[in-house]
């Protein structure tokens, strides 16, 4: 069973909407730890970026440094839960990008070792 930790950054106002969408779309794959669903770890911080020429930013303007209160969100993703169907990590990322408000979603993926 391949398991990953997906870490992404979201503006605070959008975090729960993004998480709830991922949990509803992949209830057996995203945020599932044993007999618990909807699991995530969320920490608050300040993200910064400067949209460059050609960008269409959801927040800020091209050429100006922007500072945004964001959440760092960590969720476990299981490609094949026990007794369940297989879902590719790629599909979860595509869904994240569809629902996330940013034009470019910042994320990290860590492969988890078996226990």
PDB file of N, CA and C in Angstrom:
ATOM      1  N   UNK A   1       0.851  -1.179   0.000  1.00  0.00           N
ATOM      2  CA  UNK A   1       0.000   0.000   0.000  1.00  0.00           C
ATOM      3  C   UNK A   1       0.895   1.239   0.000  1.00  0.00           C
ATOM      4  N   UNK A   2       0.861   2.029  -1.065  1.00  0.00           N
ATOM      5  CA  UNK A   2       1.648   3.256  -1.154  1.00  0.00           C
ATOM      6  C   UNK A   2       0.934   4.368  -0.386  1.00  0.00           C
ATOM      7  N   UNK A   3       1.691   4.982   0.546  1.00  0.00           N
ATOM      8  CA  UNK A   3       1.132   6.088   1.330  1.00  0.00           C
ATOM      9  C   UNK A   3       2.062   7.288   1.211  1.00  0.00           C
ATOM     10  N   UNK A   4       1.438   8.467   1.173  1.00  0.00           N
ATOM     11  CA  UNK A   4       2.165   9.711   1.015  1.00  0.00           C
ATOM     12  C   UNK A   4       1.644  10.735   2.000  1.00  0.00           C
ATOM     13  N   UNK A   5       2.471  11.745   2.274  1.00  0.00           N
ATOM     14  CA  UNK A   5       1.990  12.934   2.970  1.00  0.00           C
ATOM     15  C   UNK A   5       1.991  14.044   1.941  1.00  0.00           C
ATOM     16  N   UNK A   6       0.834  14.632   1.725  1.00  0.00           N
ATOM     17  CA  UNK A   6       0.679  15.773   0.829  1.00  0.00           C
ATOM     18  C   UNK A   6       0.645  17.028   1.691  1.00  0.00           C
ATOM     19  N   UNK A   7       1.529  17.961   1.388  1.00  0.00           N
ATOM     20  CA  UNK A   7       1.581  19.244   2.089  1.00  0.00           C
ATOM     21  C   UNK A   7       1.304  20.320   1.053  1.00  0.00           C
ATOM     22  N   UNK A   8       0.325  21.181   1.337  1.00  0.00           N
ATOM     23  CA  UNK A   8       0.064  22.294   0.426  1.00  0.00           C
ATOM     24  C   UNK A   8      -0.243  23.546   1.230  1.00  0.00           C
ATOM     25  N   UNK A   9      -0.196  24.671   0.563  1.00  0.00           N
ATOM     26  CA  UNK A   9      -0.386  25.966   1.205  1.00  0.00           C
ATOM     27  C   UNK A   9      -1.627  26.621   0.605  1.00  0.00           C
ATOM     28  N   UNK A  10      -2.449  27.197   1.474  1.00  0.00           N
ATOM     29  CA  UNK A  10      -3.730  27.738   1.044  1.00  0.00           C
ATOM     30  C   UNK A  10      -4.010  29.043   1.773  1.00  0.00           C
ATOM     31  N   UNK A  11      -4.635  30.018   1.094  1.00  0.00           N
ATOM     32  CA  UNK A  11      -5.075  31.192   1.844  1.00  0.00           C
ATOM     33  C   UNK A  11      -6.086  30.732   2.900  1.00  0.00           C
ATOM     34  N   UNK A  12      -6.016  31.314   4.076  1.00  0.00           N
ATOM     35  CA  UNK A  12      -6.820  30.877   5.215  1.00  0.00           C
ATOM     36  C   UNK A  12      -8.297  30.739   4.865  1.00  0.00           C
ATOM     37  N   UNK A  13      -8.843  31.690   4.141  1.00  0.00           N
ATOM     38  CA  UNK A  13     -10.282  31.673   3.822  1.00  0.00           C
ATOM     39  C   UNK A  13     -10.682  30.485   2.946  1.00  0.00           C
ATOM     40  N   UNK A  14      -9.727  29.847   2.274  1.00  0.00           N
ATOM     41  CA  UNK A  14     -10.037  28.746   1.356  1.00  0.00           C
ATOM     42  C   UNK A  14      -9.698  27.360   1.897  1.00  0.00           C
ATOM     43  N   UNK A  15      -8.965  27.299   2.988  1.00  0.00           N
ATOM     44  CA  UNK A  15      -8.443  26.014   3.462  1.00  0.00           C
ATOM     45  C   UNK A  15      -9.522  24.970   3.688  1.00  0.00           C
ATOM     46  N   UNK A  16     -10.542  25.287   4.446  1.00  0.00           N
ATOM     47  CA  UNK A  16     -11.562  24.284   4.755  1.00  0.00           C
ATOM     48  C   UNK A  16     -12.354  23.864   3.521  1.00  0.00           C
ATOM     49  N   UNK A  17     -12.602  24.781   2.618  1.00  0.00           N
ATOM     50  CA  UNK A  17     -13.309  24.434   1.378  1.00  0.00           C
ATOM     51  C   UNK A  17     -12.486  23.438   0.568  1.00  0.00           C
ATOM     52  N   UNK A  18     -11.178  23.681   0.456  1.00  0.00           N
ATOM     53  CA  UNK A  18     -10.294  22.780  -0.284  1.00  0.00           C
ATOM     54  C   UNK A  18     -10.240  21.418   0.399  1.00  0.00           C
ATOM     55  N   UNK A  19     -10.026  21.410   1.713  1.00  0.00           N
ATOM     56  CA  UNK A  19      -9.958  20.145   2.445  1.00  0.00           C
ATOM     57  C   UNK A  19     -11.259  19.354   2.327  1.00  0.00           C
ATOM     58  N   UNK A  20     -12.380  20.001   2.549  1.00  0.00           N
ATOM     59  CA  UNK A  20     -13.662  19.285   2.508  1.00  0.00           C
ATOM     60  C   UNK A  20     -13.922  18.704   1.126  1.00  0.00           C
ATOM     61  N   UNK A  21     -13.502  19.400   0.090  1.00  0.00           N
ATOM     62  CA  UNK A  21     -13.659  18.884  -1.269  1.00  0.00           C
ATOM     63  C   UNK A  21     -12.810  17.625  -1.462  1.00  0.00           C
ATOM     64  N   UNK A  22     -11.556  17.661  -1.020  1.00  0.00           N
ATOM     65  CA  UNK A  22     -10.686  16.488  -1.156  1.00  0.00           C
ATOM     66  C   UNK A  22     -11.203  15.313  -0.333  1.00  0.00           C
ATOM     67  N   UNK A  23     -11.666  15.582   0.892  1.00  0.00           N
ATOM     68  CA  UNK A  23     -12.211  14.511   1.734  1.00  0.00           C
ATOM     69  C   UNK A  23     -13.456  13.892   1.097  1.00  0.00           C
ATOM     70  N   UNK A  24     -14.323  14.721   0.530  1.00  0.00           N
ATOM     71  CA  UNK A  24     -15.557  14.216  -0.088  1.00  0.00           C
ATOM     72  C   UNK A  24     -15.266  13.451  -1.376  1.00  0.00           C
ATOM     73  N   UNK A  25     -14.278  13.912  -2.147  1.00  0.00           N
ATOM     74  CA  UNK A  25     -13.955  13.269  -3.417  1.00  0.00           C
ATOM     75  C   UNK A  25     -13.232  11.946  -3.205  1.00  0.00           C
ATOM     76  N   UNK A  26     -12.345  11.903  -2.209  1.00  0.00           N
ATOM     77  CA  UNK A  26     -11.542  10.701  -1.935  1.00  0.00           C
ATOM     78  C   UNK A  26     -11.645  10.321  -0.456  1.00  0.00           C
ATOM     79  N   UNK A  27     -12.829   9.931   0.021  1.00  0.00           N
ATOM     80  CA  UNK A  27     -13.015   9.675   1.460  1.00  0.00           C
ATOM     81  C   UNK A  27     -12.185   8.522   2.017  1.00  0.00           C
ATOM     82  N   UNK A  28     -11.789   7.581   1.181  1.00  0.00           N
ATOM     83  CA  UNK A  28     -10.994   6.444   1.650  1.00  0.00           C
ATOM     84  C   UNK A  28      -9.505   6.630   1.381  1.00  0.00           C
ATOM     85  N   UNK A  29      -9.144   7.718   0.715  1.00  0.00           N
ATOM     86  CA  UNK A  29      -7.757   7.924   0.293  1.00  0.00           C
ATOM     87  C   UNK A  29      -7.092   9.139   0.919  1.00  0.00           C
ATOM     88  N   UNK A  30      -7.828  10.224   1.117  1.00  0.00           N
ATOM     89  CA  UNK A  30      -7.244  11.474   1.616  1.00  0.00           C
ATOM     90  C   UNK A  30      -7.722  11.722   3.045  1.00  0.00           C
ATOM     91  N   UNK A  31      -6.752  11.901   3.955  1.00  0.00           N
ATOM     92  CA  UNK A  31      -7.094  12.226   5.336  1.00  0.00           C
ATOM     93  C   UNK A  31      -7.645  11.066   6.131  1.00  0.00           C
ATOM     94  N   UNK A  32      -7.371   9.862   5.703  1.00  0.00           N
ATOM     95  CA  UNK A  32      -7.868   8.675   6.401  1.00  0.00           C
ATOM     96  C   UNK A  32      -6.711   8.046   7.168  1.00  0.00           C
ATOM     97  N   UNK A  33      -6.883   7.931   8.492  1.00  0.00           N
ATOM     98  CA  UNK A  33      -5.888   7.287   9.347  1.00  0.00           C
ATOM     99  C   UNK A  33      -6.622   6.263  10.198  1.00  0.00           C
ATOM    100  N   UNK A  34      -6.463   4.998   9.850  1.00  0.00           N
ATOM    101  CA  UNK A  34      -7.170   3.934  10.566  1.00  0.00           C
ATOM    102  C   UNK A  34      -8.666   4.130  10.472  1.00  0.00           C
ATOM    103  N   UNK A  35      -9.328   4.203  11.603  1.00  0.00           N
ATOM    104  CA  UNK A  35     -10.781   4.364  11.654  1.00  0.00           C
ATOM    105  C   UNK A  35     -11.207   5.831  11.777  1.00  0.00           C
ATOM    106  N   UNK A  36     -10.327   6.748  11.398  1.00  0.00           N
ATOM    107  CA  UNK A  36     -10.630   8.177  11.449  1.00  0.00           C
ATOM    108  C   UNK A  36     -10.532   8.774  10.053  1.00  0.00           C
ATOM    109  N   UNK A  37     -11.506   9.593   9.704  1.00  0.00           N
ATOM    110  CA  UNK A  37     -11.505  10.279   8.420  1.00  0.00           C
ATOM    111  C   UNK A  37     -11.398  11.774   8.618  1.00  0.00           C
ATOM    112  N   UNK A  38     -11.140  12.488   7.535  1.00  0.00           N
ATOM    113  CA  UNK A  38     -11.053  13.948   7.604  1.00  0.00           C
ATOM    114  C   UNK A  38      -9.896  14.441   8.446  1.00  0.00           C
ATOM    115  N   UNK A  39      -8.809  13.668   8.500  1.00  0.00           N
ATOM    116  CA  UNK A  39      -7.653  14.040   9.322  1.00  0.00           C
ATOM    117  C   UNK A  39      -6.718  14.973   8.548  1.00  0.00           C
ATOM    118  N   UNK A  40      -6.291  16.025   9.209  1.00  0.00           N
ATOM    119  CA  UNK A  40      -5.333  16.964   8.628  1.00  0.00           C
ATOM    120  C   UNK A  40      -4.646  17.703   9.761  1.00  0.00           C
ATOM    121  N   UNK A  41      -3.465  18.222   9.474  1.00  0.00           N
ATOM    122  CA  UNK A  41      -2.777  19.105  10.407  1.00  0.00           C
ATOM    123  C   UNK A  41      -2.615  20.436   9.704  1.00  0.00           C
ATOM    124  N   UNK A  42      -3.079  21.493  10.345  1.00  0.00           N
ATOM    125  CA  UNK A  42      -3.085  22.818   9.721  1.00  0.00           C
ATOM    126  C   UNK A  42      -2.351  23.797  10.630  1.00  0.00           C
ATOM    127  N   UNK A  43      -1.365  24.487  10.066  1.00  0.00           N
ATOM    128  CA  UNK A  43      -0.647  25.517  10.817  1.00  0.00           C
ATOM    129  C   UNK A  43      -0.690  26.825  10.031  1.00  0.00           C
ATOM    130  N   UNK A  44      -0.715  27.922  10.741  1.00  0.00           N
ATOM    131  CA  UNK A  44      -0.845  29.239  10.144  1.00  0.00           C
ATOM    132  C   UNK A  44       0.507  29.901   9.967  1.00  0.00           C
ATOM    133  N   UNK A  45       0.650  30.669   8.900  1.00  0.00           N
ATOM    134  CA  UNK A  45       1.884  31.401   8.647  1.00  0.00           C
ATOM    135  C   UNK A  45       1.654  32.461   7.588  1.00  0.00           C
ATOM    136  N   UNK A  46       2.719  33.096   7.163  1.00  0.00           N
ATOM    137  CA  UNK A  46       2.630  34.126   6.134  1.00  0.00           C
ATOM    138  C   UNK A  46       3.366  33.658   4.886  1.00  0.00           C
ATOM    139  N   UNK A  47       2.649  33.596   3.778  1.00  0.00           N
ATOM    140  CA  UNK A  47       3.265  33.275   2.495  1.00  0.00           C
ATOM    141  C   UNK A  47       3.598  34.568   1.770  1.00  0.00           C
ATOM    142  N   UNK A  48       4.611  34.517   0.937  1.00  0.00           N
ATOM    143  CA  UNK A  48       4.943  35.695   0.145  1.00  0.00           C
ATOM    144  C   UNK A  48       5.272  35.279  -1.275  1.00  0.00           C
ATOM    145  N   UNK A  49       4.942  36.151  -2.205  1.00  0.00           N
ATOM    146  CA  UNK A  49       5.189  35.886  -3.626  1.00  0.00           C
ATOM    147  C   UNK A  49       5.061  37.182  -4.399  1.00  0.00           C
ATOM    148  N   UNK A  50       5.615  37.198  -5.606  1.00  0.00           N
ATOM    149  CA  UNK A  50       5.457  38.333  -6.501  1.00  0.00           C
ATOM    150  C   UNK A  50       5.023  37.791  -7.860  1.00  0.00           C
ATOM    151  N   UNK A  51       3.786  38.068  -8.271  1.00  0.00           N
ATOM    152  CA  UNK A  51       3.343  37.630  -9.596  1.00  0.00           C
ATOM    153  C   UNK A  51       4.195  38.295 -10.686  1.00  0.00           C
ATOM    154  N   UNK A  52       4.677  37.474 -11.609  1.00  0.00           N
ATOM    155  CA  UNK A  52       5.514  37.974 -12.701  1.00  0.00           C
ATOM    156  C   UNK A  52       4.674  38.227 -13.944  1.00  0.00           C
ATOM    157  N   UNK A  53       5.261  38.882 -14.912  1.00  0.00           N
ATOM    158  CA  UNK A  53       4.567  39.211 -16.170  1.00  0.00           C
ATOM    159  C   UNK A  53       3.921  37.945 -16.755  1.00  0.00           C
ATOM    160  N   UNK A  54       2.656  38.062 -17.122  1.00  0.00           N
ATOM    161  CA  UNK A  54       1.916  36.940 -17.691  1.00  0.00           C
ATOM    162  C   UNK A  54       1.077  36.190 -16.668  1.00  0.00           C
ATOM    163  N   UNK A  55       1.347  36.394 -15.371  1.00  0.00           N
ATOM    164  CA  UNK A  55       0.562  35.730 -14.325  1.00  0.00           C
ATOM    165  C   UNK A  55      -0.818  36.365 -14.226  1.00  0.00           C
ATOM    166  N   UNK A  56      -1.768  35.576 -13.759  1.00  0.00           N
ATOM    167  CA  UNK A  56      -3.121  36.056 -13.482  1.00  0.00           C
ATOM    168  C   UNK A  56      -3.434  35.716 -12.032  1.00  0.00           C
ATOM    169  N   UNK A  57      -2.862  36.476 -11.099  1.00  0.00           N
ATOM    170  CA  UNK A  57      -2.956  36.115  -9.692  1.00  0.00           C
ATOM    171  C   UNK A  57      -4.374  36.241  -9.120  1.00  0.00           C
ATOM    172  N   UNK A  58      -4.729  35.283  -8.261  1.00  0.00           N
ATOM    173  CA  UNK A  58      -6.003  35.338  -7.539  1.00  0.00           C
ATOM    174  C   UNK A  58      -5.928  36.411  -6.458  1.00  0.00           C
ATOM    175  N   UNK A  59      -4.720  36.646  -5.952  1.00  0.00           N
ATOM    176  CA  UNK A  59      -4.472  37.657  -4.921  1.00  0.00           C
ATOM    177  C   UNK A  59      -3.258  38.464  -5.371  1.00  0.00           C
ATOM    178  N   UNK A  60      -3.312  39.791  -5.237  1.00  0.00           N
ATOM    179  CA  UNK A  60      -2.173  40.633  -5.582  1.00  0.00           C
ATOM    180  C   UNK A  60      -2.189  41.081  -7.033  1.00  0.00           C
ATOM    181  N   UNK A  61      -1.118  41.793  -7.406  1.00  0.00           N
ATOM    182  CA  UNK A  61      -0.993  42.321  -8.770  1.00  0.00           C
ATOM    183  C   UNK A  61       0.399  42.003  -9.315  1.00  0.00           C
ATOM    184  N   UNK A  62       0.484  41.921 -10.628  1.00  0.00           N
ATOM    185  CA  UNK A  62       1.746  41.618 -11.291  1.00  0.00           C
ATOM    186  C   UNK A  62       2.790  42.672 -10.927  1.00  0.00           C
ATOM    187  N   UNK A  63       3.982  42.203 -10.546  1.00  0.00           N
ATOM    188  CA  UNK A  63       5.094  43.093 -10.250  1.00  0.00           C
ATOM    189  C   UNK A  63       5.161  43.612  -8.829  1.00  0.00           C
ATOM    190  N   UNK A  64       4.200  43.260  -7.985  1.00  0.00           N
ATOM    191  CA  UNK A  64       4.211  43.745  -6.601  1.00  0.00           C
ATOM    192  C   UNK A  64       4.322  42.564  -5.633  1.00  0.00           C
ATOM    193  N   UNK A  65       5.239  42.691  -4.670  1.00  0.00           N
ATOM    194  CA  UNK A  65       5.393  41.643  -3.651  1.00  0.00           C
ATOM    195  C   UNK A  65       4.113  41.579  -2.828  1.00  0.00           C
ATOM    196  N   UNK A  66       3.644  40.380  -2.569  1.00  0.00           N
ATOM    197  CA  UNK A  66       2.396  40.165  -1.824  1.00  0.00           C
ATOM    198  C   UNK A  66       2.683  39.297  -0.607  1.00  0.00           C
ATOM    199  N   UNK A  67       2.017  39.594   0.491  1.00  0.00           N
ATOM    200  CA  UNK A  67       2.115  38.808   1.725  1.00  0.00           C
ATOM    201  C   UNK A  67       0.704  38.371   2.086  1.00  0.00           C
ATOM    202  N   UNK A  68       0.524  37.067   2.291  1.00  0.00           N
ATOM    203  CA  UNK A  68      -0.813  36.519   2.527  1.00  0.00           C
ATOM    204  C   UNK A  68      -0.795  35.590   3.734  1.00  0.00           C
ATOM    205  N   UNK A  69      -1.789  35.735   4.604  1.00  0.00           N
ATOM    206  CA  UNK A  69      -1.933  34.794   5.703  1.00  0.00           C
ATOM    207  C   UNK A  69      -2.407  33.468   5.110  1.00  0.00           C
ATOM    208  N   UNK A  70      -1.589  32.431   5.269  1.00  0.00           N
ATOM    209  CA  UNK A  70      -1.874  31.137   4.663  1.00  0.00           C
ATOM    210  C   UNK A  70      -1.808  30.027   5.704  1.00  0.00           C
ATOM    211  N   UNK A  71      -2.407  28.899   5.335  1.00  0.00           N
ATOM    212  CA  UNK A  71      -2.300  27.687   6.128  1.00  0.00           C
ATOM    213  C   UNK A  71      -1.379  26.711   5.426  1.00  0.00           C
ATOM    214  N   UNK A  72      -0.557  26.038   6.197  1.00  0.00           N
ATOM    215  CA  UNK A  72       0.202  24.883   5.710  1.00  0.00           C
ATOM    216  C   UNK A  72      -0.657  23.680   6.096  1.00  0.00           C
ATOM    217  N   UNK A  73      -1.059  22.912   5.121  1.00  0.00           N
ATOM    218  CA  UNK A  73      -1.976  21.797   5.333  1.00  0.00           C
ATOM    219  C   UNK A  73      -1.242  20.493   5.049  1.00  0.00           C
ATOM    220  N   UNK A  74      -1.339  19.547   5.975  1.00  0.00           N
ATOM    221  CA  UNK A  74      -0.718  18.236   5.810  1.00  0.00           C
ATOM    222  C   UNK A  74      -1.795  17.164   5.895  1.00  0.00           C
ATOM    223  N   UNK A  75      -1.854  16.304   4.884  1.00  0.00           N
ATOM    224  CA  UNK A  75      -2.809  15.187   4.882  1.00  0.00           C
ATOM    225  C   UNK A  75      -2.111  13.928   4.377  1.00  0.00           C
ATOM    226  N   UNK A  76      -2.547  12.791   4.886  1.00  0.00           N
ATOM    227  CA  UNK A  76      -2.052  11.507   4.414  1.00  0.00           C
ATOM    228  C   UNK A  76      -2.889  11.095   3.210  1.00  0.00           C
ATOM    229  N   UNK A  77      -2.216  10.572   2.182  1.00  0.00           N
ATOM    230  CA  UNK A  77      -2.900  10.070   0.994  1.00  0.00           C
ATOM    231  C   UNK A  77      -2.486   8.608   0.810  1.00  0.00           C
ATOM    232  N   UNK A  78      -3.466   7.717   0.777  1.00  0.00           N
ATOM    233  CA  UNK A  78      -3.216   6.294   0.529  1.00  0.00           C
ATOM    234  C   UNK A  78      -3.704   5.976  -0.868  1.00  0.00           C
ATOM    235  N   UNK A  79      -2.800   5.518  -1.724  1.00  0.00           N
ATOM    236  CA  UNK A  79      -3.212   5.193  -3.094  1.00  0.00           C
ATOM    237  C   UNK A  79      -4.130   3.973  -3.116  1.00  0.00           C
ATOM    238  N   UNK A  80      -3.916   3.023  -2.219  1.00  0.00           N
ATOM    239  CA  UNK A  80      -4.771   1.841  -2.146  1.00  0.00           C
ATOM    240  C   UNK A  80      -5.086   1.548  -0.684  1.00  0.00           C
ATOM    241  N   UNK A  81      -6.239   2.015  -0.202  1.00  0.00           N
ATOM    242  CA  UNK A  81      -6.599   1.691   1.181  1.00  0.00           C
ATOM    243  C   UNK A  81      -6.959   0.210   1.282  1.00  0.00           C
ATOM    244  N   UNK A  82      -6.938  -0.327   2.495  1.00  0.00           N
ATOM    245  CA  UNK A  82      -7.259  -1.740   2.686  1.00  0.00           C
ATOM    246  C   UNK A  82      -8.628  -2.066   2.102  1.00  0.00           C
ATOM    247  N   UNK A  83      -8.650  -3.045   1.200  1.00  0.00           N
ATOM    248  CA  UNK A  83      -9.910  -3.491   0.612  1.00  0.00           C
ATOM    249  C   UNK A  83     -10.558  -2.506  -0.339  1.00  0.00           C
ATOM    250  N   UNK A  84      -9.839  -1.462  -0.724  1.00  0.00           N
ATOM    251  CA  UNK A  84     -10.453  -0.427  -1.557  1.00  0.00           C
ATOM    252  C   UNK A  84      -9.853  -0.336  -2.937  1.00  0.00           C
ATOM    253  N   UNK A  85     -10.409   0.564  -3.719  1.00  0.00           N
ATOM    254  CA  UNK A  85      -9.939   0.791  -5.084  1.00  0.00           C
ATOM    255  C   UNK A  85      -8.682   1.651  -5.073  1.00  0.00           C
ATOM    256  N   UNK A  86      -7.921   1.558  -6.130  1.00  0.00           N
ATOM    257  CA  UNK A  86      -6.665   2.306  -6.250  1.00  0.00           C
ATOM    258  C   UNK A  86      -6.924   3.693  -6.837  1.00  0.00           C
ATOM    259  N   UNK A  87      -6.253   4.687  -6.263  1.00  0.00           N
ATOM    260  CA  UNK A  87      -6.297   6.060  -6.764  1.00  0.00           C
ATOM    261  C   UNK A  87      -4.867   6.543  -6.883  1.00  0.00           C
ATOM    262  N   UNK A  88      -4.520   7.122  -8.002  1.00  0.00           N
ATOM    263  CA  UNK A  88      -3.174   7.642  -8.218  1.00  0.00           C
ATOM    264  C   UNK A  88      -3.001   8.979  -7.495  1.00  0.00           C
ATOM    265  N   UNK A  89      -1.828   9.199  -6.945  1.00  0.00           N
ATOM    266  CA  UNK A  89      -1.505  10.485  -6.319  1.00  0.00           C
ATOM    267  C   UNK A  89      -1.720  11.608  -7.323  1.00  0.00           C
ATOM    268  N   UNK A  90      -1.423  11.323  -8.582  1.00  0.00           N
ATOM    269  CA  UNK A  90      -1.599  12.299  -9.653  1.00  0.00           C
ATOM    270  C   UNK A  90      -3.058  12.789  -9.713  1.00  0.00           C
ATOM    271  N   UNK A  91      -4.014  11.896  -9.502  1.00  0.00           N
ATOM    272  CA  UNK A  91      -5.436  12.272  -9.534  1.00  0.00           C
ATOM    273  C   UNK A  91      -5.784  13.196  -8.372  1.00  0.00           C
ATOM    274  N   UNK A  92      -5.218  12.917  -7.207  1.00  0.00           N
ATOM    275  CA  UNK A  92      -5.460  13.771  -6.036  1.00  0.00           C
ATOM    276  C   UNK A  92      -4.891  15.168  -6.307  1.00  0.00           C
ATOM    277  N   UNK A  93      -3.702  15.234  -6.901  1.00  0.00           N
ATOM    278  CA  UNK A  93      -3.100  16.539  -7.225  1.00  0.00           C
ATOM    279  C   UNK A  93      -3.933  17.300  -8.244  1.00  0.00           C
ATOM    280  N   UNK A  94      -4.441  16.612  -9.246  1.00  0.00           N
ATOM    281  CA  UNK A  94      -5.296  17.271 -10.251  1.00  0.00           C
ATOM    282  C   UNK A  94      -6.539  17.852  -9.588  1.00  0.00           C
ATOM    283  N   UNK A  95      -7.115  17.112  -8.665  1.00  0.00           N
ATOM    284  CA  UNK A  95      -8.305  17.591  -7.949  1.00  0.00           C
ATOM    285  C   UNK A  95      -7.956  18.785  -7.068  1.00  0.00           C
ATOM    286  N   UNK A  96      -6.805  18.733  -6.389  1.00  0.00           N
ATOM    287  CA  UNK A  96      -6.349  19.857  -5.570  1.00  0.00           C
ATOM    288  C   UNK A  96      -6.228  21.109  -6.427  1.00  0.00           C
ATOM    289  N   UNK A  97      -5.609  20.973  -7.588  1.00  0.00           N
ATOM    290  CA  UNK A  97      -5.406  22.129  -8.472  1.00  0.00           C
ATOM    291  C   UNK A  97      -6.720  22.676  -9.010  1.00  0.00           C
ATOM    292  N   UNK A  98      -7.708  21.828  -9.200  1.00  0.00           N
ATOM    293  CA  UNK A  98      -9.016  22.298  -9.699  1.00  0.00           C
ATOM    294  C   UNK A  98      -9.749  23.133  -8.660  1.00  0.00           C
ATOM    295  N   UNK A  99      -9.653  22.755  -7.401  1.00  0.00           N
ATOM    296  CA  UNK A  99     -10.433  23.414  -6.354  1.00  0.00           C
ATOM    297  C   UNK A  99      -9.672  24.542  -5.643  1.00  0.00           C
ATOM    298  N   UNK A 100      -8.355  24.544  -5.736  1.00  0.00           N
ATOM    299  CA  UNK A 100      -7.525  25.542  -5.058  1.00  0.00           C
ATOM    300  C   UNK A 100      -7.653  26.892  -5.769  1.00  0.00           C
ATOM    301  N   UNK A 101      -7.686  27.997  -5.018  1.00  0.00           N
ATOM    302  CA  UNK A 101      -7.874  29.307  -5.659  1.00  0.00           C
ATOM    303  C   UNK A 101      -6.649  29.863  -6.388  1.00  0.00           C
ATOM    304  N   UNK A 102      -5.454  29.377  -6.067  1.00  0.00           N
ATOM    305  CA  UNK A 102      -4.255  29.935  -6.682  1.00  0.00           C
ATOM    306  C   UNK A 102      -4.025  29.387  -8.090  1.00  0.00           C
ATOM    307  N   UNK A 103      -3.468  30.226  -8.941  1.00  0.00           N
ATOM    308  CA  UNK A 103      -3.092  29.837 -10.295  1.00  0.00           C
ATOM    309  C   UNK A 103      -1.988  28.765 -10.258  1.00  0.00           C
ATOM    310  N   UNK A 104      -1.029  28.939  -9.354  1.00  0.00           N
ATOM    311  CA  UNK A 104       0.056  27.969  -9.143  1.00  0.00           C
ATOM    312  C   UNK A 104      -0.033  27.487  -7.700  1.00  0.00           C
ATOM    313  N   UNK A 105      -0.301  26.220  -7.513  1.00  0.00           N
ATOM    314  CA  UNK A 105      -0.437  25.670  -6.165  1.00  0.00           C
ATOM    315  C   UNK A 105       0.934  25.185  -5.685  1.00  0.00           C
ATOM    316  N   UNK A 106       1.349  25.653  -4.518  1.00  0.00           N
ATOM    317  CA  UNK A 106       2.603  25.193  -3.918  1.00  0.00           C
ATOM    318  C   UNK A 106       2.298  23.951  -3.090  1.00  0.00           C
ATOM    319  N   UNK A 107       3.011  22.847  -3.379  1.00  0.00           N
ATOM    320  CA  UNK A 107       2.790  21.613  -2.632  1.00  0.00           C
ATOM    321  C   UNK A 107       4.060  20.786  -2.589  1.00  0.00           C
ATOM    322  N   UNK A 108       4.117  19.895  -1.615  1.00  0.00           N
ATOM    323  CA  UNK A 108       5.202  18.921  -1.470  1.00  0.00           C
ATOM    324  C   UNK A 108       4.558  17.558  -1.278  1.00  0.00           C
ATOM    325  N   UNK A 109       5.247  16.514  -1.752  1.00  0.00           N
ATOM    326  CA  UNK A 109       4.784  15.144  -1.561  1.00  0.00           C
ATOM    327  C   UNK A 109       5.924  14.355  -0.935  1.00  0.00           C
ATOM    328  N   UNK A 110       5.619  13.663   0.156  1.00  0.00           N
ATOM    329  CA  UNK A 110       6.599  12.817   0.831  1.00  0.00           C
ATOM    330  C   UNK A 110       6.081  11.385   0.826  1.00  0.00           C
ATOM    331  N   UNK A 111       6.885  10.449   0.370  1.00  0.00           N
ATOM    332  CA  UNK A 111       6.500   9.032   0.404  1.00  0.00           C
ATOM    333  C   UNK A 111       6.733   8.527   1.828  1.00  0.00           C
ATOM    334  N   UNK A 112       5.745   7.873   2.387  1.00  0.00           N
ATOM    335  CA  UNK A 112       5.833   7.341   3.744  1.00  0.00           C
ATOM    336  C   UNK A 112       6.285   5.887   3.697  1.00  0.00           C
ATOM    337  N   UNK A 113       7.136   5.520   4.601  1.00  0.00           N
ATOM    338  CA  UNK A 113       7.637   4.152   4.687  1.00  0.00           C
ATOM    339  C   UNK A 113       6.605   3.276   5.411  1.00  0.00           C
ATOM    340  N   UNK A 114       6.610   2.003   5.065  1.00  0.00           N
ATOM    341  CA  UNK A 114       5.760   1.047   5.782  1.00  0.00           C
ATOM    342  C   UNK A 114       6.263   0.903   7.202  1.00  0.00           C
ATOM    343  N   UNK A 115       5.334   0.634   8.092  1.00  0.00           N
ATOM    344  CA  UNK A 115       5.688   0.483   9.517  1.00  0.00           C
ATOM    345  C   UNK A 115       6.155  -0.912   9.810  1.00  0.00           C
TER     346      UNK A 115
END
